[in-house]
PDB file of N, CA and C in Angstrom:
ATOM      1  N   MET A   1       0.839  -1.183   0.000  1.00  0.00           N
ATOM      2  CA  MET A   1       0.000   0.000   0.000  1.00  0.00           C
ATOM      3  C   MET A   1       0.878   1.238   0.000  1.00  0.00           C
ATOM      4  N   ASN A   2       0.255   2.343  -0.318  1.00  0.00           N
ATOM      5  CA  ASN A   2       0.932   3.632  -0.246  1.00  0.00           C
ATOM      6  C   ASN A   2       0.664   4.225   1.138  1.00  0.00           C
ATOM      7  N   TYR A   3       1.707   4.808   1.764  1.00  0.00           N
ATOM      8  CA  TYR A   3       1.607   5.381   3.108  1.00  0.00           C
ATOM      9  C   TYR A   3       2.211   6.776   3.136  1.00  0.00           C
ATOM     10  N   ASN A   4       1.732   7.592   4.078  1.00  0.00           N
ATOM     11  CA  ASN A   4       2.378   8.873   4.331  1.00  0.00           C
ATOM     12  C   ASN A   4       3.395   8.696   5.455  1.00  0.00           C
ATOM     13  N   GLU A   5       4.010   9.787   5.894  1.00  0.00           N
ATOM     14  CA  GLU A   5       5.056   9.715   6.916  1.00  0.00           C
ATOM     15  C   GLU A   5       4.530   9.316   8.295  1.00  0.00           C
ATOM     16  N   TYR A   6       3.215   9.313   8.497  1.00  0.00           N
ATOM     17  CA  TYR A   6       2.616   8.916   9.773  1.00  0.00           C
ATOM     18  C   TYR A   6       2.069   7.497   9.731  1.00  0.00           C
ATOM     19  N   ASP A   7       2.408   6.757   8.686  1.00  0.00           N
ATOM     20  CA  ASP A   7       1.985   5.372   8.497  1.00  0.00           C
ATOM     21  C   ASP A   7       0.477   5.249   8.266  1.00  0.00           C
ATOM     22  N   GLU A   8      -0.120   6.303   7.723  1.00  0.00           N
ATOM     23  CA  GLU A   8      -1.523   6.262   7.324  1.00  0.00           C
ATOM     24  C   GLU A   8      -1.575   5.882   5.847  1.00  0.00           C
ATOM     25  N   VAL A   9      -2.583   5.102   5.482  1.00  0.00           N
ATOM     26  CA  VAL A   9      -2.769   4.718   4.091  1.00  0.00           C
ATOM     27  C   VAL A   9      -3.219   5.947   3.303  1.00  0.00           C
ATOM     28  N   ILE A  10      -2.659   6.103   2.107  1.00  0.00           N
ATOM     29  CA  ILE A  10      -3.040   7.200   1.211  1.00  0.00           C
ATOM     30  C   ILE A  10      -3.402   6.624  -0.156  1.00  0.00           C
ATOM     31  N   ASN A  11      -4.036   7.437  -0.969  1.00  0.00           N
ATOM     32  CA  ASN A  11      -4.396   7.011  -2.316  1.00  0.00           C
ATOM     33  C   ASN A  11      -3.153   6.733  -3.142  1.00  0.00           C
ATOM     34  N   GLY A  12      -3.259   5.750  -4.015  1.00  0.00           N
ATOM     35  CA  GLY A  12      -2.176   5.392  -4.918  1.00  0.00           C
ATOM     36  C   GLY A  12      -2.428   4.017  -5.499  1.00  0.00           C
ATOM     37  N   LYS A  13      -1.765   3.732  -6.575  1.00  0.00           N
ATOM     38  CA  LYS A  13      -1.962   2.466  -7.297  1.00  0.00           C
ATOM     39  C   LYS A  13      -1.727   1.251  -6.392  1.00  0.00           C
ATOM     40  N   ASP A  14      -0.690   1.301  -5.555  1.00  0.00           N
ATOM     41  CA  ASP A  14      -0.408   0.169  -4.663  1.00  0.00           C
ATOM     42  C   ASP A  14      -1.535  -0.047  -3.655  1.00  0.00           C
ATOM     43  N   THR A  15      -2.116   1.051  -3.175  1.00  0.00           N
ATOM     44  CA  THR A  15      -3.245   0.956  -2.244  1.00  0.00           C
ATOM     45  C   THR A  15      -4.445   0.307  -2.925  1.00  0.00           C
ATOM     46  N   TYR A  16      -4.787   0.777  -4.109  1.00  0.00           N
ATOM     47  CA  TYR A  16      -5.939   0.236  -4.831  1.00  0.00           C
ATOM     48  C   TYR A  16      -5.760  -1.258  -5.092  1.00  0.00           C
ATOM     49  N   LYS A  17      -4.575  -1.637  -5.553  1.00  0.00           N
ATOM     50  CA  LYS A  17      -4.305  -3.045  -5.869  1.00  0.00           C
ATOM     51  C   LYS A  17      -4.369  -3.927  -4.622  1.00  0.00           C
ATOM     52  N   ALA A  18      -3.768  -3.469  -3.529  1.00  0.00           N
ATOM     53  CA  ALA A  18      -3.737  -4.277  -2.302  1.00  0.00           C
ATOM     54  C   ALA A  18      -5.141  -4.498  -1.740  1.00  0.00           C
ATOM     55  N   ILE A  19      -5.936  -3.455  -1.704  1.00  0.00           N
ATOM     56  CA  ILE A  19      -7.301  -3.598  -1.191  1.00  0.00           C
ATOM     57  C   ILE A  19      -8.107  -4.507  -2.102  1.00  0.00           C
ATOM     58  N   ALA A  20      -8.018  -4.288  -3.408  1.00  0.00           N
ATOM     59  CA  ALA A  20      -8.767  -5.123  -4.358  1.00  0.00           C
ATOM     60  C   ALA A  20      -8.362  -6.585  -4.250  1.00  0.00           C
ATOM     61  N   LYS A  21      -7.083  -6.840  -4.108  1.00  0.00           N
ATOM     62  CA  LYS A  21      -6.607  -8.225  -3.990  1.00  0.00           C
ATOM     63  C   LYS A  21      -7.188  -8.896  -2.746  1.00  0.00           C
ATOM     64  N   ASN A  22      -7.155  -8.194  -1.616  1.00  0.00           N
ATOM     65  CA  ASN A  22      -7.703  -8.747  -0.377  1.00  0.00           C
ATOM     66  C   ASN A  22      -9.187  -9.050  -0.507  1.00  0.00           C
ATOM     67  N   ILE A  23      -9.949  -8.077  -0.942  1.00  0.00           N
ATOM     68  CA  ILE A  23     -11.398  -8.273  -0.933  1.00  0.00           C
ATOM     69  C   ILE A  23     -11.861  -9.210  -2.037  1.00  0.00           C
ATOM     70  N   LYS A  24     -11.103  -9.288  -3.131  1.00  0.00           N
ATOM     71  CA  LYS A  24     -11.449 -10.246  -4.178  1.00  0.00           C
ATOM     72  C   LYS A  24     -11.281 -11.674  -3.676  1.00  0.00           C
ATOM     73  N   ASN A  25     -10.371 -11.858  -2.717  1.00  0.00           N
ATOM     74  CA  ASN A  25     -10.139 -13.162  -2.094  1.00  0.00           C
ATOM     75  C   ASN A  25     -11.043 -13.386  -0.881  1.00  0.00           C
ATOM     76  N   LYS A  26     -12.112 -12.578  -0.770  1.00  0.00           N
ATOM     77  CA  LYS A  26     -13.091 -12.681   0.326  1.00  0.00           C
ATOM     78  C   LYS A  26     -12.480 -12.405   1.692  1.00  0.00           C
ATOM     79  N   GLU A  27     -11.468 -11.535   1.720  1.00  0.00           N
ATOM     80  CA  GLU A  27     -10.850 -11.132   2.973  1.00  0.00           C
ATOM     81  C   GLU A  27     -11.169  -9.658   3.210  1.00  0.00           C
ATOM     82  N   SER A  28     -12.036  -9.384   4.164  1.00  0.00           N
ATOM     83  CA  SER A  28     -12.336  -7.993   4.505  1.00  0.00           C
ATOM     84  C   SER A  28     -11.053  -7.319   4.974  1.00  0.00           C
ATOM     85  N   ILE A  29     -10.987  -6.020   4.781  1.00  0.00           N
ATOM     86  CA  ILE A  29      -9.796  -5.278   5.202  1.00  0.00           C
ATOM     87  C   ILE A  29     -10.228  -3.931   5.772  1.00  0.00           C
ATOM     88  N   ILE A  30      -9.582  -3.540   6.859  1.00  0.00           N
ATOM     89  CA  ILE A  30      -9.806  -2.224   7.433  1.00  0.00           C
ATOM     90  C   ILE A  30      -8.499  -1.442   7.320  1.00  0.00           C
ATOM     91  N   ILE A  31      -8.621  -0.183   6.932  1.00  0.00           N
ATOM     92  CA  ILE A  31      -7.433   0.650   6.784  1.00  0.00           C
ATOM     93  C   ILE A  31      -7.608   1.953   7.561  1.00  0.00           C
ATOM     94  N   GLY A  32      -6.495   2.492   8.019  1.00  0.00           N
ATOM     95  CA  GLY A  32      -6.449   3.837   8.577  1.00  0.00           C
ATOM     96  C   GLY A  32      -6.002   4.740   7.439  1.00  0.00           C
ATOM     97  N   TRP A  33      -6.911   5.496   6.884  1.00  0.00           N
ATOM     98  CA  TRP A  33      -6.689   6.252   5.646  1.00  0.00           C
ATOM     99  C   TRP A  33      -6.760   7.750   5.894  1.00  0.00           C
ATOM    100  N   THR A  34      -5.966   8.489   5.154  1.00  0.00           N
ATOM    101  CA  THR A  34      -6.056   9.949   5.200  1.00  0.00           C
ATOM    102  C   THR A  34      -6.211  10.510   3.798  1.00  0.00           C
ATOM    103  N   ASP A  35      -6.910  11.622   3.714  1.00  0.00           N
ATOM    104  CA  ASP A  35      -7.090  12.315   2.438  1.00  0.00           C
ATOM    105  C   ASP A  35      -5.887  13.203   2.123  1.00  0.00           C
ATOM    106  N   GLU A  36      -4.913  13.235   3.020  1.00  0.00           N
ATOM    107  CA  GLU A  36      -3.695  14.048   2.926  1.00  0.00           C
ATOM    108  C   GLU A  36      -3.987  15.547   3.005  1.00  0.00           C
ATOM    109  N   ILE A  37      -5.189  15.890   3.435  1.00  0.00           N
ATOM    110  CA  ILE A  37      -5.545  17.296   3.626  1.00  0.00           C
ATOM    111  C   ILE A  37      -5.626  17.551   5.139  1.00  0.00           C
ATOM    112  N   TYR A  38      -6.620  16.915   5.778  1.00  0.00           N
ATOM    113  CA  TYR A  38      -6.808  17.133   7.213  1.00  0.00           C
ATOM    114  C   TYR A  38      -7.615  16.034   7.884  1.00  0.00           C
ATOM    115  N   THR A  39      -8.054  15.027   7.132  1.00  0.00           N
ATOM    116  CA  THR A  39      -9.005  14.061   7.670  1.00  0.00           C
ATOM    117  C   THR A  39      -8.427  12.653   7.681  1.00  0.00           C
ATOM    118  N   HIS A  40      -8.717  11.916   8.746  1.00  0.00           N
ATOM    119  CA  HIS A  40      -8.372  10.499   8.864  1.00  0.00           C
ATOM    120  C   HIS A  40      -9.666   9.720   9.065  1.00  0.00           C
ATOM    121  N   TYR A  41      -9.828   8.649   8.293  1.00  0.00           N
ATOM    122  CA  TYR A  41     -10.957   7.743   8.467  1.00  0.00           C
ATOM    123  C   TYR A  41     -10.442   6.316   8.620  1.00  0.00           C
ATOM    124  N   ASP A  42     -11.125   5.544   9.447  1.00  0.00           N
ATOM    125  CA  ASP A  42     -10.920   4.098   9.505  1.00  0.00           C
ATOM    126  C   ASP A  42     -12.002   3.503   8.623  1.00  0.00           C
ATOM    127  N   ILE A  43     -11.591   2.766   7.590  1.00  0.00           N
ATOM    128  CA  ILE A  43     -12.533   2.309   6.570  1.00  0.00           C
ATOM    129  C   ILE A  43     -12.448   0.798   6.418  1.00  0.00           C
ATOM    130  N   LEU A  44     -13.600   0.150   6.479  1.00  0.00           N
ATOM    131  CA  LEU A  44     -13.711  -1.297   6.302  1.00  0.00           C
ATOM    132  C   LEU A  44     -14.273  -1.586   4.915  1.00  0.00           C
ATOM    133  N   PHE A  45     -13.585  -2.468   4.186  1.00  0.00           N
ATOM    134  CA  PHE A  45     -14.028  -2.891   2.859  1.00  0.00           C
ATOM    135  C   PHE A  45     -14.353  -4.377   2.890  1.00  0.00           C
ATOM    136  N   THR A  46     -15.500  -4.729   2.344  1.00  0.00           N
ATOM    137  CA  THR A  46     -15.928  -6.121   2.234  1.00  0.00           C
ATOM    138  C   THR A  46     -16.545  -6.297   0.855  1.00  0.00           C
ATOM    139  N   TYR A  47     -16.281  -7.443   0.249  1.00  0.00           N
ATOM    140  CA  TYR A  47     -16.755  -7.672  -1.122  1.00  0.00           C
ATOM    141  C   TYR A  47     -17.317  -9.075  -1.221  1.00  0.00           C
ATOM    142  N   GLY A  48     -18.586  -9.159  -1.597  1.00  0.00           N
ATOM    143  CA  GLY A  48     -19.230 -10.467  -1.717  1.00  0.00           C
ATOM    144  C   GLY A  48     -19.528 -11.047  -0.344  1.00  0.00           C
ATOM    145  N   VAL A  49     -20.770 -11.004   0.050  1.00  0.00           N
ATOM    146  CA  VAL A  49     -21.175 -11.471   1.378  1.00  0.00           C
ATOM    147  C   VAL A  49     -22.268 -12.526   1.245  1.00  0.00           C
ATOM    148  N   ASN A  50     -22.487 -13.266   2.316  1.00  0.00           N
ATOM    149  CA  ASN A  50     -23.629 -14.168   2.369  1.00  0.00           C
ATOM    150  C   ASN A  50     -24.841 -13.337   2.745  1.00  0.00           C
ATOM    151  N   LYS A  51     -25.950 -13.588   2.079  1.00  0.00           N
ATOM    152  CA  LYS A  51     -27.165 -12.812   2.322  1.00  0.00           C
ATOM    153  C   LYS A  51     -28.289 -13.741   2.744  1.00  0.00           C
ATOM    154  N   ASN A  52     -29.026 -13.325   3.751  1.00  0.00           N
ATOM    155  CA  ASN A  52     -30.203 -14.056   4.208  1.00  0.00           C
ATOM    156  C   ASN A  52     -31.343 -13.067   4.361  1.00  0.00           C
ATOM    157  N   GLY A  53     -32.511 -13.446   3.897  1.00  0.00           N
ATOM    158  CA  GLY A  53     -33.664 -12.575   4.011  1.00  0.00           C
ATOM    159  C   GLY A  53     -33.661 -11.482   2.962  1.00  0.00           C
ATOM    160  N   TYR A  54     -34.701 -10.686   2.979  1.00  0.00           N
ATOM    161  CA  TYR A  54     -34.861  -9.598   2.028  1.00  0.00           C
ATOM    162  C   TYR A  54     -34.095  -8.382   2.519  1.00  0.00           C
ATOM    163  N   VAL A  55     -33.131  -7.926   1.752  1.00  0.00           N
ATOM    164  CA  VAL A  55     -32.347  -6.744   2.098  1.00  0.00           C
ATOM    165  C   VAL A  55     -32.906  -5.575   1.300  1.00  0.00           C
ATOM    166  N   GLN A  56     -33.250  -4.505   1.983  1.00  0.00           N
ATOM    167  CA  GLN A  56     -33.873  -3.355   1.331  1.00  0.00           C
ATOM    168  C   GLN A  56     -32.834  -2.383   0.781  1.00  0.00           C
ATOM    169  N   GLY A  57     -33.294  -1.436   0.018  1.00  0.00           N
ATOM    170  CA  GLY A  57     -32.429  -0.384  -0.498  1.00  0.00           C
ATOM    171  C   GLY A  57     -31.691  -0.752  -1.768  1.00  0.00           C
ATOM    172  N   GLY A  58     -32.035  -1.883  -2.368  1.00  0.00           N
ATOM    173  CA  GLY A  58     -31.402  -2.282  -3.610  1.00  0.00           C
ATOM    174  C   GLY A  58     -30.018  -2.877  -3.462  1.00  0.00           C
ATOM    175  N   ILE A  59     -29.575  -3.090  -2.261  1.00  0.00           N
ATOM    176  CA  ILE A  59     -28.237  -3.637  -2.029  1.00  0.00           C
ATOM    177  C   ILE A  59     -28.240  -5.130  -2.358  1.00  0.00           C
ATOM    178  N   GLN A  60     -27.199  -5.562  -3.070  1.00  0.00           N
ATOM    179  CA  GLN A  60     -27.046  -6.963  -3.454  1.00  0.00           C
ATOM    180  C   GLN A  60     -25.835  -7.573  -2.750  1.00  0.00           C
ATOM    181  N   ASP A  61     -25.842  -8.897  -2.625  1.00  0.00           N
ATOM    182  CA  ASP A  61     -24.764  -9.587  -1.922  1.00  0.00           C
ATOM    183  C   ASP A  61     -23.418  -9.502  -2.637  1.00  0.00           C
ATOM    184  N   TYR A  62     -23.400  -9.176  -3.905  1.00  0.00           N
ATOM    185  CA  TYR A  62     -22.149  -9.092  -4.671  1.00  0.00           C
ATOM    186  C   TYR A  62     -21.595  -7.665  -4.726  1.00  0.00           C
ATOM    187  N   TYR A  63     -22.135  -6.757  -3.964  1.00  0.00           N
ATOM    188  CA  TYR A  63     -21.684  -5.368  -3.959  1.00  0.00           C
ATOM    189  C   TYR A  63     -20.398  -5.198  -3.143  1.00  0.00           C
ATOM    190  N   LEU A  64     -19.756  -4.071  -3.343  1.00  0.00           N
ATOM    191  CA  LEU A  64     -18.622  -3.647  -2.535  1.00  0.00           C
ATOM    192  C   LEU A  64     -19.180  -2.860  -1.351  1.00  0.00           C
ATOM    193  N   PHE A  65     -18.976  -3.386  -0.162  1.00  0.00           N
ATOM    194  CA  PHE A  65     -19.482  -2.740   1.049  1.00  0.00           C
ATOM    195  C   PHE A  65     -18.367  -1.898   1.666  1.00  0.00           C
ATOM    196  N   ILE A  66     -18.713  -0.641   1.941  1.00  0.00           N
ATOM    197  CA  ILE A  66     -17.748   0.298   2.497  1.00  0.00           C
ATOM    198  C   ILE A  66     -18.348   0.884   3.772  1.00  0.00           C
ATOM    199  N   SER A  67     -17.606   0.740   4.845  1.00  0.00           N
ATOM    200  CA  SER A  67     -18.028   1.289   6.139  1.00  0.00           C
ATOM    201  C   SER A  67     -16.975   2.279   6.606  1.00  0.00           C
ATOM    202  N   VAL A  68     -17.351   3.536   6.701  1.00  0.00           N
ATOM    203  CA  VAL A  68     -16.480   4.561   7.259  1.00  0.00           C
ATOM    204  C   VAL A  68     -16.868   4.645   8.734  1.00  0.00           C
ATOM    205  N   MET A  69     -15.994   4.144   9.587  1.00  0.00           N
ATOM    206  CA  MET A  69     -16.315   4.017  11.001  1.00  0.00           C
ATOM    207  C   MET A  69     -16.761   5.351  11.594  1.00  0.00           C
ATOM    208  N   ARG A  70     -17.829   5.279  12.360  1.00  0.00           N
ATOM    209  CA  ARG A  70     -18.427   6.427  13.050  1.00  0.00           C
ATOM    210  C   ARG A  70     -19.104   7.415  12.104  1.00  0.00           C
ATOM    211  N   ILE A  71     -19.185   7.075  10.792  1.00  0.00           N
ATOM    212  CA  ILE A  71     -19.777   7.997   9.818  1.00  0.00           C
ATOM    213  C   ILE A  71     -20.957   7.355   9.094  1.00  0.00           C
ATOM    214  N   GLY A  72     -20.700   6.322   8.273  1.00  0.00           N
ATOM    215  CA  GLY A  72     -21.759   5.699   7.494  1.00  0.00           C
ATOM    216  C   GLY A  72     -21.268   4.478   6.750  1.00  0.00           C
ATOM    217  N   ALA A  73     -22.198   3.715   6.218  1.00  0.00           N
ATOM    218  CA  ALA A  73     -21.878   2.493   5.484  1.00  0.00           C
ATOM    219  C   ALA A  73     -22.889   2.303   4.365  1.00  0.00           C
ATOM    220  N   PHE A  74     -22.427   1.672   3.271  1.00  0.00           N
ATOM    221  CA  PHE A  74     -23.314   1.390   2.148  1.00  0.00           C
ATOM    222  C   PHE A  74     -22.673   0.336   1.268  1.00  0.00           C
ATOM    223  N   GLY A  75     -23.499  -0.293   0.447  1.00  0.00           N
ATOM    224  CA  GLY A  75     -23.033  -1.259  -0.543  1.00  0.00           C
ATOM    225  C   GLY A  75     -23.114  -0.646  -1.925  1.00  0.00           C
ATOM    226  N   PHE A  76     -22.039  -0.763  -2.689  1.00  0.00           N
ATOM    227  CA  PHE A  76     -21.950  -0.147  -4.008  1.00  0.00           C
ATOM    228  C   PHE A  76     -21.717  -1.199  -5.088  1.00  0.00           C
ATOM    229  N   ASN A  77     -22.416  -1.063  -6.182  1.00  0.00           N
ATOM    230  CA  ASN A  77     -22.152  -1.898  -7.342  1.00  0.00           C
ATOM    231  C   ASN A  77     -20.754  -1.544  -7.841  1.00  0.00           C
ATOM    232  N   ALA A  78     -19.916  -2.539  -8.024  1.00  0.00           N
ATOM    233  CA  ALA A  78     -18.523  -2.298  -8.401  1.00  0.00           C
ATOM    234  C   ALA A  78     -18.311  -2.347  -9.908  1.00  0.00           C
ATOM    235  N   ASN A  79     -19.365  -2.145 -10.673  1.00  0.00           N
ATOM    236  CA  ASN A  79     -19.245  -2.214 -12.127  1.00  0.00           C
ATOM    237  C   ASN A  79     -18.920  -0.889 -12.786  1.00  0.00           C
ATOM    238  N   ASP A  80     -19.074   0.214 -12.073  1.00  0.00           N
ATOM    239  CA  ASP A  80     -18.852   1.499 -12.730  1.00  0.00           C
ATOM    240  C   ASP A  80     -18.337   2.560 -11.768  1.00  0.00           C
ATOM    241  N   LYS A  81     -17.824   3.627 -12.325  1.00  0.00           N
ATOM    242  CA  LYS A  81     -17.263   4.748 -11.595  1.00  0.00           C
ATOM    243  C   LYS A  81     -18.331   5.418 -10.729  1.00  0.00           C
ATOM    244  N   LYS A  82     -17.918   5.887  -9.583  1.00  0.00           N
ATOM    245  CA  LYS A  82     -18.809   6.618  -8.687  1.00  0.00           C
ATOM    246  C   LYS A  82     -18.439   8.103  -8.706  1.00  0.00           C
ATOM    247  N   TYR A  83     -19.406   8.944  -8.399  1.00  0.00           N
ATOM    248  CA  TYR A  83     -19.208  10.384  -8.368  1.00  0.00           C
ATOM    249  C   TYR A  83     -19.245  10.876  -6.926  1.00  0.00           C
ATOM    250  N   PRO A  84     -18.488  11.921  -6.613  1.00  0.00           N
ATOM    251  CA  PRO A  84     -18.435  12.412  -5.231  1.00  0.00           C
ATOM    252  C   PRO A  84     -19.805  12.720  -4.637  1.00  0.00           C
ATOM    253  N   GLU A  85     -20.720  13.239  -5.437  1.00  0.00           N
ATOM    254  CA  GLU A  85     -22.057  13.555  -4.931  1.00  0.00           C
ATOM    255  C   GLU A  85     -22.785  12.294  -4.447  1.00  0.00           C
ATOM    256  N   TYR A  86     -22.585  11.189  -5.160  1.00  0.00           N
ATOM    257  CA  TYR A  86     -23.219   9.920  -4.792  1.00  0.00           C
ATOM    258  C   TYR A  86     -22.605   9.359  -3.503  1.00  0.00           C
ATOM    259  N   ILE A  87     -21.289   9.406  -3.404  1.00  0.00           N
ATOM    260  CA  ILE A  87     -20.605   8.943  -2.190  1.00  0.00           C
ATOM    261  C   ILE A  87     -21.033   9.815  -1.001  1.00  0.00           C
ATOM    262  N   ALA A  88     -21.121  11.118  -1.216  1.00  0.00           N
ATOM    263  CA  ALA A  88     -21.558  12.031  -0.149  1.00  0.00           C
ATOM    264  C   ALA A  88     -22.962  11.672   0.330  1.00  0.00           C
ATOM    265  N   GLU A  89     -23.851  11.391  -0.617  1.00  0.00           N
ATOM    266  CA  GLU A  89     -25.231  11.042  -0.274  1.00  0.00           C
ATOM    267  C   GLU A  89     -25.294   9.747   0.527  1.00  0.00           C
ATOM    268  N   LYS A  90     -24.558   8.732   0.095  1.00  0.00           N
ATOM    269  CA  LYS A  90     -24.673   7.402   0.702  1.00  0.00           C
ATOM    270  C   LYS A  90     -23.881   7.230   1.988  1.00  0.00           C
ATOM    271  N   LEU A  91     -22.735   7.899   2.115  1.00  0.00           N
ATOM    272  CA  LEU A  91     -21.880   7.681   3.286  1.00  0.00           C
ATOM    273  C   LEU A  91     -21.819   8.862   4.253  1.00  0.00           C
ATOM    274  N   PHE A  92     -22.096  10.072   3.767  1.00  0.00           N
ATOM    275  CA  PHE A  92     -21.860  11.255   4.586  1.00  0.00           C
ATOM    276  C   PHE A  92     -23.093  12.128   4.758  1.00  0.00           C
ATOM    277  N   ASN A  93     -24.275  11.538   4.598  1.00  0.00           N
ATOM    278  CA  ASN A  93     -25.520  12.281   4.786  1.00  0.00           C
ATOM    279  C   ASN A  93     -25.563  13.551   3.933  1.00  0.00           C
ATOM    280  N   GLY A  94     -24.967  13.463   2.728  1.00  0.00           N
ATOM    281  CA  GLY A  94     -25.018  14.565   1.790  1.00  0.00           C
ATOM    282  C   GLY A  94     -23.874  15.554   1.875  1.00  0.00           C
ATOM    283  N   ARG A  95     -23.015  15.427   2.881  1.00  0.00           N
ATOM    284  CA  ARG A  95     -21.899  16.377   3.032  1.00  0.00           C
ATOM    285  C   ARG A  95     -20.857  16.138   1.941  1.00  0.00           C
ATOM    286  N   LEU A  96     -20.627  17.122   1.110  1.00  0.00           N
ATOM    287  CA  LEU A  96     -19.659  17.028   0.026  1.00  0.00           C
ATOM    288  C   LEU A  96     -18.538  18.030   0.274  1.00  0.00           C
ATOM    289  N   ASP A  97     -17.311  17.513   0.387  1.00  0.00           N
ATOM    290  CA  ASP A  97     -16.144  18.368   0.581  1.00  0.00           C
ATOM    291  C   ASP A  97     -14.929  17.703  -0.052  1.00  0.00           C
ATOM    292  N   GLU A  98     -13.748  18.294   0.139  1.00  0.00           N
ATOM    293  CA  GLU A  98     -12.523  17.760  -0.461  1.00  0.00           C
ATOM    294  C   GLU A  98     -12.228  16.344   0.017  1.00  0.00           C
ATOM    295  N   SER A  99     -12.526  16.067   1.261  1.00  0.00           N
ATOM    296  CA  SER A  99     -12.278  14.745   1.823  1.00  0.00           C
ATOM    297  C   SER A  99     -13.122  13.685   1.116  1.00  0.00           C
ATOM    298  N   VAL A 100     -14.378  13.975   0.876  1.00  0.00           N
ATOM    299  CA  VAL A 100     -15.268  13.047   0.169  1.00  0.00           C
ATOM    300  C   VAL A 100     -14.783  12.856  -1.265  1.00  0.00           C
ATOM    301  N   GLU A 101     -14.280  13.900  -1.879  1.00  0.00           N
ATOM    302  CA  GLU A 101     -13.740  13.780  -3.236  1.00  0.00           C
ATOM    303  C   GLU A 101     -12.528  12.860  -3.261  1.00  0.00           C
ATOM    304  N   LYS A 102     -11.643  12.961  -2.261  1.00  0.00           N
ATOM    305  CA  LYS A 102     -10.474  12.079  -2.187  1.00  0.00           C
ATOM    306  C   LYS A 102     -10.899  10.646  -1.887  1.00  0.00           C
ATOM    307  N   LEU A 103     -11.913  10.472  -1.044  1.00  0.00           N
ATOM    308  CA  LEU A 103     -12.410   9.126  -0.770  1.00  0.00           C
ATOM    309  C   LEU A 103     -13.019   8.520  -2.031  1.00  0.00           C
ATOM    310  N   THR A 104     -13.685   9.321  -2.829  1.00  0.00           N
ATOM    311  CA  THR A 104     -14.242   8.847  -4.092  1.00  0.00           C
ATOM    312  C   THR A 104     -13.120   8.370  -5.018  1.00  0.00           C
ATOM    313  N   GLU A 105     -11.988   9.063  -5.022  1.00  0.00           N
ATOM    314  CA  GLU A 105     -10.828   8.612  -5.806  1.00  0.00           C
ATOM    315  C   GLU A 105     -10.376   7.233  -5.331  1.00  0.00           C
ATOM    316  N   LEU A 106     -10.339   7.035  -4.019  1.00  0.00           N
ATOM    317  CA  LEU A 106      -9.965   5.733  -3.459  1.00  0.00           C
ATOM    318  C   LEU A 106     -10.938   4.658  -3.921  1.00  0.00           C
ATOM    319  N   ILE A 107     -12.222   4.916  -3.776  1.00  0.00           N
ATOM    320  CA  ILE A 107     -13.248   3.936  -4.167  1.00  0.00           C
ATOM    321  C   ILE A 107     -13.151   3.617  -5.646  1.00  0.00           C
ATOM    322  N   ASN A 108     -13.000   4.630  -6.480  1.00  0.00           N
ATOM    323  CA  ASN A 108     -12.903   4.393  -7.920  1.00  0.00           C
ATOM    324  C   ASN A 108     -11.629   3.641  -8.290  1.00  0.00           C
ATOM    325  N   GLY A 109     -10.542   3.894  -7.587  1.00  0.00           N
ATOM    326  CA  GLY A 109      -9.312   3.141  -7.824  1.00  0.00           C
ATOM    327  C   GLY A 109      -9.481   1.673  -7.499  1.00  0.00           C
ATOM    328  N   ILE A 110     -10.173   1.386  -6.398  1.00  0.00           N
ATOM    329  CA  ILE A 110     -10.440  -0.004  -6.010  1.00  0.00           C
ATOM    330  C   ILE A 110     -11.363  -0.664  -7.026  1.00  0.00           C
ATOM    331  N   ILE A 111     -12.419   0.027  -7.426  1.00  0.00           N
ATOM    332  CA  ILE A 111     -13.349  -0.522  -8.421  1.00  0.00           C
ATOM    333  C   ILE A 111     -12.614  -0.838  -9.720  1.00  0.00           C
ATOM    334  N   GLU A 112     -11.743   0.050 -10.142  1.00  0.00           N
ATOM    335  CA  GLU A 112     -10.979  -0.191 -11.364  1.00  0.00           C
ATOM    336  C   GLU A 112     -10.136  -1.451 -11.243  1.00  0.00           C
ATOM    337  N   GLU A 113      -9.495  -1.627 -10.097  1.00  0.00           N
ATOM    338  CA  GLU A 113      -8.680  -2.827  -9.877  1.00  0.00           C
ATOM    339  C   GLU A 113      -9.531  -4.089  -9.784  1.00  0.00           C
ATOM    340  N   LEU A 114     -10.710  -3.991  -9.178  1.00  0.00           N
ATOM    341  CA  LEU A 114     -11.594  -5.158  -9.106  1.00  0.00           C
ATOM    342  C   LEU A 114     -12.018  -5.613 -10.500  1.00  0.00           C
ATOM    343  N   ASN A 115     -12.128  -4.682 -11.411  1.00  0.00           N
ATOM    344  CA  ASN A 115     -12.541  -5.024 -12.764  1.00  0.00           C
ATOM    345  C   ASN A 115     -11.364  -5.417 -13.647  1.00  0.00           C
ATOM    346  N   ASN A 116     -10.147  -5.328 -13.114  1.00  0.00           N
ATOM    347  CA  ASN A 116      -8.932  -5.830 -13.771  1.00  0.00           C
ATOM    348  C   ASN A 116      -8.525  -7.131 -13.097  1.00  0.00           C
ATOM    349  N   GLU A 117      -7.563  -7.758 -13.605  1.00  0.00           N
ATOM    350  CA  GLU A 117      -7.022  -8.945 -12.954  1.00  0.00           C
ATOM    351  C   GLU A 117      -6.119  -8.513 -11.821  1.00  0.00           C
ATOM    352  N   CYS A 118      -6.337  -9.045 -10.618  1.00  0.00           N
ATOM    353  CA  CYS A 118      -5.480  -8.716  -9.469  1.00  0.00           C
ATOM    354  C   CYS A 118      -4.288  -9.646  -9.438  1.00  0.00           C
TER     355      CYS A 118
END
C-alpha cells in the first residue's frame, strides 16, 4: 500500500491493488486512511457477502461494502465509476467536501482494480 510519513494509508496504485486483492479473495480489510488534507478515516471494505432474508435499499450480496467508522456504510455496485455527490449522499448524509472527493478517488481506484485482474 501507499503510506504517508505517519503510516496512514493514502491514495495510490499500490493501495488500490492491495485492497482489491484482499477483498477479491473474500478477505475484509480495514485501513487507517487519510485524504492528505486534514481528515483520517478508519474504513472497512468487504466484497461479496452471504445474504439471508430480504435486504432493502437495492443492495445486493455481490456489492462492494464500504463502512467509514463512526460515519456511514453502504453497498456499491462495483461495475462502474462513482461520483463524489453519490458517495456524499450514501456515506456522509449529503456532506460534500474535499475529503469526500479524495475518498471517491480511493473507491474508484479499487473498483478499477476489481474489474482488472489482481
